[in-house]
Structure formats: structure tokens, C-alpha cells
Amino acid sequence: FSHCHRDRFQPVCTVNYPNEEAYTRITEFKHCTGQEAPGTTVAYEY
């Protein structure tokens, strides 16, 4: 999990990384929860 001091990290809730990266996707939860709060948290999935 990683926190960023900005409103959005990526354009949609989930971005898949199908090729070189060790992780398969990054999820930014504020997209799906509808939460309004300063900053945003994402999860890299391995």
C-alpha cells in the first residue's frame, strides 16, 4: 500500500500491468468507494 498527497493517482480504479512488471495491477480505492478525502491510497498487487 502506498499513499500519495494528491487527489488522484490514476484515471480508473484498477490499472492492469500484463507484461514486464512484477505486480499485476494497481488499485486506487477512492474511485470505487466514492470517498472524498485529501490524498489517495493505492495497492500494488503481487
ModelCIF file with pLDDT and N, C-alpha, C, O atoms, coordinates in Angstrom:
data_MODEL
#
_entry.id   MODEL 
#
_entity.id                         1 
_entity.type                       polymer 
_entity.pdbx_number_of_molecules   1 
#
_entity_poly.entity_id                      1 
_entity_poly.type                           'polypeptide(L)' 
_entity_poly.nstd_linkage                   no 
_entity_poly.nstd_monomer                   no 
_entity_poly.pdbx_seq_one_letter_code       FSHCHRDRFQPVCTVNYPNEEAYTRITEFKHCTGQEAPGTTVAYEY 
_entity_poly.pdbx_seq_one_letter_code_can   FSHCHRDRFQPVCTVNYPNEEAYTRITEFKHCTGQEAPGTTVAYEY 
_entity_poly.pdbx_strand_id                 A 
#
loop_
_entity_poly_seq.entity_id 
_entity_poly_seq.num 
_entity_poly_seq.mon_id 
_entity_poly_seq.hetero 
1 1  PHE n 
1 2  SER n 
1 3  HIS n 
1 4  CYS n 
1 5  HIS n 
1 6  ARG n 
1 7  ASP n 
1 8  ARG n 
1 9  PHE n 
1 10 GLN n 
1 11 PRO n 
1 12 VAL n 
1 13 CYS n 
1 14 THR n 
1 15 VAL n 
1 16 ASN n 
1 17 TYR n 
1 18 PRO n 
1 19 ASN n 
1 20 GLU n 
1 21 GLU n 
1 22 ALA n 
1 23 TYR n 
1 24 THR n 
1 25 ARG n 
1 26 ILE n 
1 27 THR n 
1 28 GLU n 
1 29 PHE n 
1 30 LYS n 
1 31 HIS n 
1 32 CYS n 
1 33 THR n 
1 34 GLY n 
1 35 GLN n 
1 36 GLU n 
1 37 ALA n 
1 38 PRO n 
1 39 GLY n 
1 40 THR n 
1 41 THR n 
1 42 VAL n 
1 43 ALA n 
1 44 TYR n 
1 45 GLU n 
1 46 TYR n 
#
_struct_asym.id          A 
_struct_asym.entity_id   1 
#
loop_
_ma_qa_metric.id 
_ma_qa_metric.mode 
_ma_qa_metric.name 
_ma_qa_metric.software_group_id 
_ma_qa_metric.type 
1 global pLDDT . pLDDT 
2 local  pLDDT . pLDDT 
#
_ma_qa_metric_global.metric_id      1 
_ma_qa_metric_global.metric_value   97.13 
_ma_qa_metric_global.model_id       1 
_ma_qa_metric_global.ordinal_id     1 
#
loop_
_ma_qa_metric_local.label_asym_id 
_ma_qa_metric_local.label_comp_id 
_ma_qa_metric_local.label_seq_id 
_ma_qa_metric_local.metric_id 
_ma_qa_metric_local.metric_value 
_ma_qa_metric_local.model_id 
_ma_qa_metric_local.ordinal_id 
A PHE 1  2 98.00 1 1  
A SER 2  2 98.00 1 2  
A HIS 3  2 98.00 1 3  
A CYS 4  2 96.00 1 4  
A HIS 5  2 96.00 1 5  
A ARG 6  2 96.00 1 6  
A ASP 7  2 96.00 1 7  
A ARG 8  2 97.00 1 8  
A PHE 9  2 98.00 1 9  
A GLN 10 2 98.00 1 10 
A PRO 11 2 98.00 1 11 
A VAL 12 2 98.00 1 12 
A CYS 13 2 98.00 1 13 
A THR 14 2 98.00 1 14 
A VAL 15 2 98.00 1 15 
A ASN 16 2 98.00 1 16 
A TYR 17 2 98.00 1 17 
A PRO 18 2 96.00 1 18 
A ASN 19 2 92.00 1 19 
A GLU 20 2 92.00 1 20 
A GLU 21 2 96.00 1 21 
A ALA 22 2 96.00 1 22 
A TYR 23 2 98.00 1 23 
A THR 24 2 98.00 1 24 
A ARG 25 2 98.00 1 25 
A ILE 26 2 98.00 1 26 
A THR 27 2 98.00 1 27 
A GLU 28 2 98.00 1 28 
A PHE 29 2 98.00 1 29 
A LYS 30 2 98.00 1 30 
A HIS 31 2 98.00 1 31 
A CYS 32 2 98.00 1 32 
A THR 33 2 97.00 1 33 
A GLY 34 2 95.00 1 34 
A GLN 35 2 97.00 1 35 
A GLU 36 2 95.00 1 36 
A ALA 37 2 95.00 1 37 
A PRO 38 2 96.00 1 38 
A GLY 39 2 98.00 1 39 
A THR 40 2 98.00 1 40 
A THR 41 2 98.00 1 41 
A VAL 42 2 98.00 1 42 
A ALA 43 2 98.00 1 43 
A TYR 44 2 98.00 1 44 
A GLU 45 2 98.00 1 45 
A TYR 46 2 98.00 1 46 
#
loop_
_atom_site.group_PDB 
_atom_site.id 
_atom_site.type_symbol 
_atom_site.label_atom_id 
_atom_site.label_alt_id 
_atom_site.label_comp_id 
_atom_site.label_asym_id 
_atom_site.label_entity_id 
_atom_site.label_seq_id 
_atom_site.pdbx_PDB_ins_code 
_atom_site.Cartn_x 
_atom_site.Cartn_y 
_atom_site.Cartn_z 
_atom_site.occupancy 
_atom_site.B_iso_or_equiv 
_atom_site.pdbx_formal_charge 
_atom_site.auth_seq_id 
_atom_site.auth_comp_id 
_atom_site.auth_asym_id 
_atom_site.auth_atom_id 
_atom_site.pdbx_PDB_model_num 
ATOM 1   N N  . PHE A 1 1  ? 0.844   -1.191  0.000   1.00 98.00 ? 1  PHE A N  1 
ATOM 2   C CA . PHE A 1 1  ? 0.000   0.000   0.000   1.00 98.00 ? 1  PHE A CA 1 
ATOM 3   C C  . PHE A 1 1  ? 0.881   1.244   0.000   1.00 98.00 ? 1  PHE A C  1 
ATOM 4   O O  . PHE A 1 1  ? 1.902   1.306   0.685   1.00 98.00 ? 1  PHE A O  1 
ATOM 5   N N  . SER A 1 2  ? 0.463   2.224   -0.778  1.00 98.00 ? 2  SER A N  1 
ATOM 6   C CA . SER A 1 2  ? 1.228   3.465   -0.891  1.00 98.00 ? 2  SER A CA 1 
ATOM 7   C C  . SER A 1 2  ? 0.273   4.646   -0.878  1.00 98.00 ? 2  SER A C  1 
ATOM 8   O O  . SER A 1 2  ? -0.761  4.624   -1.546  1.00 98.00 ? 2  SER A O  1 
ATOM 9   N N  . HIS A 1 3  ? 0.621   5.685   -0.114  1.00 98.00 ? 3  HIS A N  1 
ATOM 10  C CA . HIS A 1 3  ? -0.228  6.872   -0.027  1.00 98.00 ? 3  HIS A CA 1 
ATOM 11  C C  . HIS A 1 3  ? 0.414   8.020   -0.790  1.00 98.00 ? 3  HIS A C  1 
ATOM 12  O O  . HIS A 1 3  ? 1.627   8.227   -0.731  1.00 98.00 ? 3  HIS A O  1 
ATOM 13  N N  . CYS A 1 4  ? -0.427  8.765   -1.508  1.00 96.00 ? 4  CYS A N  1 
ATOM 14  C CA . CYS A 1 4  ? 0.042   9.899   -2.294  1.00 96.00 ? 4  CYS A CA 1 
ATOM 15  C C  . CYS A 1 4  ? -0.690  11.162  -1.845  1.00 96.00 ? 4  CYS A C  1 
ATOM 16  O O  . CYS A 1 4  ? -1.891  11.136  -1.574  1.00 96.00 ? 4  CYS A O  1 
ATOM 17  N N  . HIS A 1 5  ? 0.049   12.260  -1.770  1.00 96.00 ? 5  HIS A N  1 
ATOM 18  C CA . HIS A 1 5  ? -0.551  13.530  -1.356  1.00 96.00 ? 5  HIS A CA 1 
ATOM 19  C C  . HIS A 1 5  ? -1.074  14.274  -2.582  1.00 96.00 ? 5  HIS A C  1 
ATOM 20  O O  . HIS A 1 5  ? -0.676  15.403  -2.870  1.00 96.00 ? 5  HIS A O  1 
ATOM 21  N N  . ARG A 1 6  ? -1.970  13.611  -3.287  1.00 96.00 ? 6  ARG A N  1 
ATOM 22  C CA . ARG A 1 6  ? -2.682  14.242  -4.392  1.00 96.00 ? 6  ARG A CA 1 
ATOM 23  C C  . ARG A 1 6  ? -4.053  13.596  -4.490  1.00 96.00 ? 6  ARG A C  1 
ATOM 24  O O  . ARG A 1 6  ? -4.291  12.545  -3.897  1.00 96.00 ? 6  ARG A O  1 
ATOM 25  N N  . ASP A 1 7  ? -4.947  14.215  -5.231  1.00 96.00 ? 7  ASP A N  1 
ATOM 26  C CA . ASP A 1 7  ? -6.334  13.756  -5.237  1.00 96.00 ? 7  ASP A CA 1 
ATOM 27  C C  . ASP A 1 7  ? -6.497  12.432  -5.968  1.00 96.00 ? 7  ASP A C  1 
ATOM 28  O O  . ASP A 1 7  ? -7.283  11.590  -5.534  1.00 96.00 ? 7  ASP A O  1 
ATOM 29  N N  . ARG A 1 8  ? -5.763  12.222  -7.086  1.00 97.00 ? 8  ARG A N  1 
ATOM 30  C CA . ARG A 1 8  ? -5.885  11.002  -7.869  1.00 97.00 ? 8  ARG A CA 1 
ATOM 31  C C  . ARG A 1 8  ? -4.509  10.509  -8.298  1.00 97.00 ? 8  ARG A C  1 
ATOM 32  O O  . ARG A 1 8  ? -3.613  11.302  -8.588  1.00 97.00 ? 8  ARG A O  1 
ATOM 33  N N  . PHE A 1 9  ? -4.356  9.200   -8.334  1.00 98.00 ? 9  PHE A N  1 
ATOM 34  C CA . PHE A 1 9  ? -3.112  8.573   -8.753  1.00 98.00 ? 9  PHE A CA 1 
ATOM 35  C C  . PHE A 1 9  ? -3.193  8.072   -10.191 1.00 98.00 ? 9  PHE A C  1 
ATOM 36  O O  . PHE A 1 9  ? -2.212  8.127   -10.933 1.00 98.00 ? 9  PHE A O  1 
ATOM 37  N N  . GLN A 1 10 ? -4.387  7.577   -10.582 1.00 98.00 ? 10 GLN A N  1 
ATOM 38  C CA . GLN A 1 10 ? -4.565  7.001   -11.912 1.00 98.00 ? 10 GLN A CA 1 
ATOM 39  C C  . GLN A 1 10 ? -5.991  7.270   -12.380 1.00 98.00 ? 10 GLN A C  1 
ATOM 40  O O  . GLN A 1 10 ? -6.844  7.633   -11.570 1.00 98.00 ? 10 GLN A O  1 
ATOM 41  N N  . PRO A 1 11 ? -6.266  7.095   -13.691 1.00 98.00 ? 11 PRO A N  1 
ATOM 42  C CA . PRO A 1 11 ? -7.566  7.538   -14.214 1.00 98.00 ? 11 PRO A CA 1 
ATOM 43  C C  . PRO A 1 11 ? -8.757  6.666   -13.846 1.00 98.00 ? 11 PRO A C  1 
ATOM 44  O O  . PRO A 1 11 ? -9.895  7.133   -13.896 1.00 98.00 ? 11 PRO A O  1 
ATOM 45  N N  . VAL A 1 12 ? -8.523  5.410   -13.477 1.00 98.00 ? 12 VAL A N  1 
ATOM 46  C CA . VAL A 1 12 ? -9.618  4.498   -13.121 1.00 98.00 ? 12 VAL A CA 1 
ATOM 47  C C  . VAL A 1 12 ? -9.237  3.733   -11.862 1.00 98.00 ? 12 VAL A C  1 
ATOM 48  O O  . VAL A 1 12 ? -8.108  3.820   -11.379 1.00 98.00 ? 12 VAL A O  1 
ATOM 49  N N  . CYS A 1 13 ? -10.203 2.980   -11.340 1.00 98.00 ? 13 CYS A N  1 
ATOM 50  C CA . CYS A 1 13 ? -9.962  2.245   -10.095 1.00 98.00 ? 13 CYS A CA 1 
ATOM 51  C C  . CYS A 1 13 ? -8.809  1.266   -10.220 1.00 98.00 ? 13 CYS A C  1 
ATOM 52  O O  . CYS A 1 13 ? -7.949  1.199   -9.341  1.00 98.00 ? 13 CYS A O  1 
ATOM 53  N N  . THR A 1 14 ? -8.786  0.500   -11.316 1.00 98.00 ? 14 THR A N  1 
ATOM 54  C CA . THR A 1 14 ? -7.785  -0.552  -11.474 1.00 98.00 ? 14 THR A CA 1 
ATOM 55  C C  . THR A 1 14 ? -7.060  -0.418  -12.806 1.00 98.00 ? 14 THR A C  1 
ATOM 56  O O  . THR A 1 14 ? -7.682  -0.296  -13.862 1.00 98.00 ? 14 THR A O  1 
ATOM 57  N N  . VAL A 1 15 ? -5.741  -0.443  -12.736 1.00 98.00 ? 15 VAL A N  1 
ATOM 58  C CA . VAL A 1 15 ? -4.907  -0.480  -13.936 1.00 98.00 ? 15 VAL A CA 1 
ATOM 59  C C  . VAL A 1 15 ? -4.114  -1.780  -13.913 1.00 98.00 ? 15 VAL A C  1 
ATOM 60  O O  . VAL A 1 15 ? -3.377  -2.052  -12.964 1.00 98.00 ? 15 VAL A O  1 
ATOM 61  N N  . ASN A 1 16 ? -4.268  -2.577  -14.959 1.00 98.00 ? 16 ASN A N  1 
ATOM 62  C CA . ASN A 1 16 ? -3.555  -3.849  -15.077 1.00 98.00 ? 16 ASN A CA 1 
ATOM 63  C C  . ASN A 1 16 ? -2.196  -3.635  -15.740 1.00 98.00 ? 16 ASN A C  1 
ATOM 64  O O  . ASN A 1 16 ? -2.025  -2.778  -16.606 1.00 98.00 ? 16 ASN A O  1 
ATOM 65  N N  . TYR A 1 17 ? -1.237  -4.452  -15.297 1.00 98.00 ? 17 TYR A N  1 
ATOM 66  C CA . TYR A 1 17 ? 0.114   -4.419  -15.866 1.00 98.00 ? 17 TYR A CA 1 
ATOM 67  C C  . TYR A 1 17 ? 0.433   -5.826  -16.358 1.00 98.00 ? 17 TYR A C  1 
ATOM 68  O O  . TYR A 1 17 ? 1.000   -6.631  -15.619 1.00 98.00 ? 17 TYR A O  1 
ATOM 69  N N  . PRO A 1 18 ? 0.072   -6.124  -17.603 1.00 96.00 ? 18 PRO A N  1 
ATOM 70  C CA . PRO A 1 18 ? 0.128   -7.511  -18.075 1.00 96.00 ? 18 PRO A CA 1 
ATOM 71  C C  . PRO A 1 18 ? 1.505   -7.988  -18.522 1.00 96.00 ? 18 PRO A C  1 
ATOM 72  O O  . PRO A 1 18 ? 1.654   -9.157  -18.879 1.00 96.00 ? 18 PRO A O  1 
ATOM 73  N N  . ASN A 1 19 ? 2.506   -7.129  -18.514 1.00 92.00 ? 19 ASN A N  1 
ATOM 74  C CA . ASN A 1 19 ? 3.755   -7.543  -19.139 1.00 92.00 ? 19 ASN A CA 1 
ATOM 75  C C  . ASN A 1 19 ? 4.954   -7.526  -18.183 1.00 92.00 ? 19 ASN A C  1 
ATOM 76  O O  . ASN A 1 19 ? 5.073   -8.442  -17.370 1.00 92.00 ? 19 ASN A O  1 
ATOM 77  N N  . GLU A 1 20 ? 5.841   -6.538  -18.241 1.00 92.00 ? 20 GLU A N  1 
ATOM 78  C CA . GLU A 1 20 ? 7.131   -6.660  -17.570 1.00 92.00 ? 20 GLU A CA 1 
ATOM 79  C C  . GLU A 1 20 ? 7.085   -6.565  -16.047 1.00 92.00 ? 20 GLU A C  1 
ATOM 80  O O  . GLU A 1 20 ? 7.904   -7.187  -15.371 1.00 92.00 ? 20 GLU A O  1 
ATOM 81  N N  . GLU A 1 21 ? 6.160   -5.812  -15.505 1.00 96.00 ? 21 GLU A N  1 
ATOM 82  C CA . GLU A 1 21 ? 6.167   -5.535  -14.073 1.00 96.00 ? 21 GLU A CA 1 
ATOM 83  C C  . GLU A 1 21 ? 5.907   -6.798  -13.249 1.00 96.00 ? 21 GLU A C  1 
ATOM 84  O O  . GLU A 1 21 ? 5.231   -7.719  -13.707 1.00 96.00 ? 21 GLU A O  1 
ATOM 85  N N  . ALA A 1 22 ? 6.447   -6.829  -12.038 1.00 96.00 ? 22 ALA A N  1 
ATOM 86  C CA . ALA A 1 22 ? 6.222   -7.980  -11.152 1.00 96.00 ? 22 ALA A CA 1 
ATOM 87  C C  . ALA A 1 22 ? 4.795   -7.994  -10.620 1.00 96.00 ? 22 ALA A C  1 
ATOM 88  O O  . ALA A 1 22 ? 4.247   -9.061  -10.346 1.00 96.00 ? 22 ALA A O  1 
ATOM 89  N N  . TYR A 1 23 ? 4.190   -6.822  -10.470 1.00 98.00 ? 23 TYR A N  1 
ATOM 90  C CA . TYR A 1 23 ? 2.808   -6.748  -9.996  1.00 98.00 ? 23 TYR A CA 1 
ATOM 91  C C  . TYR A 1 23 ? 1.863   -6.868  -11.177 1.00 98.00 ? 23 TYR A C  1 
ATOM 92  O O  . TYR A 1 23 ? 2.227   -6.580  -12.317 1.00 98.00 ? 23 TYR A O  1 
ATOM 93  N N  . THR A 1 24 ? 0.639   -7.299  -10.886 1.00 98.00 ? 24 THR A N  1 
ATOM 94  C CA . THR A 1 24 ? -0.354  -7.470  -11.948 1.00 98.00 ? 24 THR A CA 1 
ATOM 95  C C  . THR A 1 24 ? -1.288  -6.273  -12.081 1.00 98.00 ? 24 THR A C  1 
ATOM 96  O O  . THR A 1 24 ? -1.804  -6.007  -13.166 1.00 98.00 ? 24 THR A O  1 
ATOM 97  N N  . ARG A 1 25 ? -1.507  -5.553  -10.992 1.00 98.00 ? 25 ARG A N  1 
ATOM 98  C CA . ARG A 1 25 ? -2.405  -4.410  -11.085 1.00 98.00 ? 25 ARG A CA 1 
ATOM 99  C C  . ARG A 1 25 ? -2.191  -3.459  -9.923  1.00 98.00 ? 25 ARG A C  1 
ATOM 100 O O  . ARG A 1 25 ? -1.640  -3.822  -8.884  1.00 98.00 ? 25 ARG A O  1 
ATOM 101 N N  . ILE A 1 26 ? -2.644  -2.227  -10.130 1.00 98.00 ? 26 ILE A N  1 
ATOM 102 C CA . ILE A 1 26 ? -2.657  -1.205  -9.081  1.00 98.00 ? 26 ILE A CA 1 
ATOM 103 C C  . ILE A 1 26 ? -4.104  -0.753  -8.914  1.00 98.00 ? 26 ILE A C  1 
ATOM 104 O O  . ILE A 1 26 ? -4.774  -0.423  -9.893  1.00 98.00 ? 26 ILE A O  1 
ATOM 105 N N  . THR A 1 27 ? -4.577  -0.741  -7.681  1.00 98.00 ? 27 THR A N  1 
ATOM 106 C CA . THR A 1 27 ? -5.945  -0.319  -7.385  1.00 98.00 ? 27 THR A CA 1 
ATOM 107 C C  . THR A 1 27 ? -5.932  0.970   -6.580  1.00 98.00 ? 27 THR A C  1 
ATOM 108 O O  . THR A 1 27 ? -5.218  1.086   -5.584  1.00 98.00 ? 27 THR A O  1 
ATOM 109 N N  . GLU A 1 28 ? -6.725  1.929   -7.018  1.00 98.00 ? 28 GLU A N  1 
ATOM 110 C CA . GLU A 1 28 ? -6.923  3.174   -6.272  1.00 98.00 ? 28 GLU A CA 1 
ATOM 111 C C  . GLU A 1 28 ? -8.359  3.183   -5.744  1.00 98.00 ? 28 GLU A C  1 
ATOM 112 O O  . GLU A 1 28 ? -9.310  3.289   -6.518  1.00 98.00 ? 28 GLU A O  1 
ATOM 113 N N  . PHE A 1 29 ? -8.507  3.071   -4.434  1.00 98.00 ? 29 PHE A N  1 
ATOM 114 C CA . PHE A 1 29 ? -9.800  2.752   -3.832  1.00 98.00 ? 29 PHE A CA 1 
ATOM 115 C C  . PHE A 1 29 ? -10.810 3.887   -3.888  1.00 98.00 ? 29 PHE A C  1 
ATOM 116 O O  . PHE A 1 29 ? -12.014 3.633   -3.925  1.00 98.00 ? 29 PHE A O  1 
ATOM 117 N N  . LYS A 1 30 ? -10.351 5.128   -3.895  1.00 98.00 ? 30 LYS A N  1 
ATOM 118 C CA . LYS A 1 30 ? -11.298 6.248   -3.891  1.00 98.00 ? 30 LYS A CA 1 
ATOM 119 C C  . LYS A 1 30 ? -12.188 6.248   -5.130  1.00 98.00 ? 30 LYS A C  1 
ATOM 120 O O  . LYS A 1 30 ? -13.290 6.793   -5.092  1.00 98.00 ? 30 LYS A O  1 
ATOM 121 N N  . HIS A 1 31 ? -11.732 5.650   -6.221  1.00 98.00 ? 31 HIS A N  1 
ATOM 122 C CA . HIS A 1 31 ? -12.559 5.586   -7.420  1.00 98.00 ? 31 HIS A CA 1 
ATOM 123 C C  . HIS A 1 31 ? -13.836 4.785   -7.172  1.00 98.00 ? 31 HIS A C  1 
ATOM 124 O O  . HIS A 1 31 ? -14.915 5.169   -7.622  1.00 98.00 ? 31 HIS A O  1 
ATOM 125 N N  . CYS A 1 32 ? -13.706 3.670   -6.455  1.00 98.00 ? 32 CYS A N  1 
ATOM 126 C CA . CYS A 1 32 ? -14.868 2.800   -6.286  1.00 98.00 ? 32 CYS A CA 1 
ATOM 127 C C  . CYS A 1 32 ? -15.677 3.105   -5.034  1.00 98.00 ? 32 CYS A C  1 
ATOM 128 O O  . CYS A 1 32 ? -16.887 2.877   -5.016  1.00 98.00 ? 32 CYS A O  1 
ATOM 129 N N  . THR A 1 33 ? -15.038 3.613   -3.990  1.00 97.00 ? 33 THR A N  1 
ATOM 130 C CA . THR A 1 33 ? -15.776 3.875   -2.748  1.00 97.00 ? 33 THR A CA 1 
ATOM 131 C C  . THR A 1 33 ? -16.536 5.190   -2.789  1.00 97.00 ? 33 THR A C  1 
ATOM 132 O O  . THR A 1 33 ? -17.506 5.377   -2.055  1.00 97.00 ? 33 THR A O  1 
ATOM 133 N N  . GLY A 1 34 ? -16.090 6.108   -3.654  1.00 95.00 ? 34 GLY A N  1 
ATOM 134 C CA . GLY A 1 34 ? -16.715 7.425   -3.695  1.00 95.00 ? 34 GLY A CA 1 
ATOM 135 C C  . GLY A 1 34 ? -16.282 8.324   -2.557  1.00 95.00 ? 34 GLY A C  1 
ATOM 136 O O  . GLY A 1 34 ? -16.840 9.407   -2.380  1.00 95.00 ? 34 GLY A O  1 
ATOM 137 N N  . GLN A 1 35 ? -15.301 7.898   -1.787  1.00 97.00 ? 35 GLN A N  1 
ATOM 138 C CA . GLN A 1 35 ? -14.856 8.674   -0.634  1.00 97.00 ? 35 GLN A CA 1 
ATOM 139 C C  . GLN A 1 35 ? -14.210 9.992   -1.081  1.00 97.00 ? 35 GLN A C  1 
ATOM 140 O O  . GLN A 1 35 ? -13.454 10.029  -2.052  1.00 97.00 ? 35 GLN A O  1 
ATOM 141 N N  . GLU A 1 36 ? -14.518 11.046  -0.369  1.00 95.00 ? 36 GLU A N  1 
ATOM 142 C CA . GLU A 1 36 ? -13.871 12.337  -0.586  1.00 95.00 ? 36 GLU A CA 1 
ATOM 143 C C  . GLU A 1 36 ? -12.989 12.620  0.617   1.00 95.00 ? 36 GLU A C  1 
ATOM 144 O O  . GLU A 1 36 ? -13.477 12.776  1.737   1.00 95.00 ? 36 GLU A O  1 
ATOM 145 N N  . ALA A 1 37 ? -11.682 12.683  0.375   1.00 95.00 ? 37 ALA A N  1 
ATOM 146 C CA . ALA A 1 37 ? -10.719 12.893  1.443   1.00 95.00 ? 37 ALA A CA 1 
ATOM 147 C C  . ALA A 1 37 ? -9.428  13.390  0.814   1.00 95.00 ? 37 ALA A C  1 
ATOM 148 O O  . ALA A 1 37 ? -9.154  13.079  -0.345  1.00 95.00 ? 37 ALA A O  1 
ATOM 149 N N  . PRO A 1 38 ? -8.635  14.150  1.546   1.00 96.00 ? 38 PRO A N  1 
ATOM 150 C CA . PRO A 1 38 ? -7.357  14.611  0.994   1.00 96.00 ? 38 PRO A CA 1 
ATOM 151 C C  . PRO A 1 38 ? -6.386  13.440  0.823   1.00 96.00 ? 38 PRO A C  1 
ATOM 152 O O  . PRO A 1 38 ? -6.271  12.581  1.697   1.00 96.00 ? 38 PRO A O  1 
ATOM 153 N N  . GLY A 1 39 ? -5.695  13.421  -0.312  1.00 98.00 ? 39 GLY A N  1 
ATOM 154 C CA . GLY A 1 39 ? -4.757  12.341  -0.580  1.00 98.00 ? 39 GLY A CA 1 
ATOM 155 C C  . GLY A 1 39 ? -5.461  11.103  -1.109  1.00 98.00 ? 39 GLY A C  1 
ATOM 156 O O  . GLY A 1 39 ? -6.690  11.046  -1.158  1.00 98.00 ? 39 GLY A O  1 
ATOM 157 N N  . THR A 1 40 ? -4.681  10.128  -1.500  1.00 98.00 ? 40 THR A N  1 
ATOM 158 C CA . THR A 1 40 ? -5.233  8.884   -2.028  1.00 98.00 ? 40 THR A CA 1 
ATOM 159 C C  . THR A 1 40 ? -4.283  7.737   -1.726  1.00 98.00 ? 40 THR A C  1 
ATOM 160 O O  . THR A 1 40 ? -3.071  7.932   -1.636  1.00 98.00 ? 40 THR A O  1 
ATOM 161 N N  . THR A 1 41 ? -4.840  6.535   -1.569  1.00 98.00 ? 41 THR A N  1 
ATOM 162 C CA . THR A 1 41 ? -4.043  5.345   -1.279  1.00 98.00 ? 41 THR A CA 1 
ATOM 163 C C  . THR A 1 41 ? -4.249  4.324   -2.385  1.00 98.00 ? 41 THR A C  1 
ATOM 164 O O  . THR A 1 41 ? -5.372  4.093   -2.832  1.00 98.00 ? 41 THR A O  1 
ATOM 165 N N  . VAL A 1 42 ? -3.151  3.713   -2.822  1.00 98.00 ? 42 VAL A N  1 
ATOM 166 C CA . VAL A 1 42 ? -3.211  2.688   -3.863  1.00 98.00 ? 42 VAL A CA 1 
ATOM 167 C C  . VAL A 1 42 ? -2.586  1.404   -3.324  1.00 98.00 ? 42 VAL A C  1 
ATOM 168 O O  . VAL A 1 42 ? -1.811  1.418   -2.367  1.00 98.00 ? 42 VAL A O  1 
ATOM 169 N N  . ALA A 1 43 ? -2.947  0.299   -3.967  1.00 98.00 ? 43 ALA A N  1 
ATOM 170 C CA . ALA A 1 43 ? -2.392  -1.014  -3.592  1.00 98.00 ? 43 ALA A CA 1 
ATOM 171 C C  . ALA A 1 43 ? -1.792  -1.664  -4.830  1.00 98.00 ? 43 ALA A C  1 
ATOM 172 O O  . ALA A 1 43 ? -2.453  -1.822  -5.856  1.00 98.00 ? 43 ALA A O  1 
ATOM 173 N N  . TYR A 1 44 ? -0.519  -2.037  -4.706  1.00 98.00 ? 44 TYR A N  1 
ATOM 174 C CA . TYR A 1 44 ? 0.150   -2.827  -5.731  1.00 98.00 ? 44 TYR A CA 1 
ATOM 175 C C  . TYR A 1 44 ? -0.074  -4.300  -5.402  1.00 98.00 ? 44 TYR A C  1 
ATOM 176 O O  . TYR A 1 44 ? 0.129   -4.718  -4.262  1.00 98.00 ? 44 TYR A O  1 
ATOM 177 N N  . GLU A 1 45 ? -0.487  -5.078  -6.383  1.00 98.00 ? 45 GLU A N  1 
ATOM 178 C CA . GLU A 1 45 ? -0.887  -6.467  -6.158  1.00 98.00 ? 45 GLU A CA 1 
ATOM 179 C C  . GLU A 1 45 ? 0.098   -7.431  -6.811  1.00 98.00 ? 45 GLU A C  1 
ATOM 180 O O  . GLU A 1 45 ? 0.362   -7.360  -8.012  1.00 98.00 ? 45 GLU A O  1 
ATOM 181 N N  . TYR A 1 46 ? 0.633   -8.331  -5.990  1.00 98.00 ? 46 TYR A N  1 
ATOM 182 C CA . TYR A 1 46 ? 1.637   -9.285  -6.449  1.00 98.00 ? 46 TYR A CA 1 
ATOM 183 C C  . TYR A 1 46 ? 1.122   -10.715 -6.268  1.00 98.00 ? 46 TYR A C  1 
ATOM 184 O O  . TYR A 1 46 ? 1.824   -11.670 -6.598  1.00 98.00 ? 46 TYR A O  1 
#
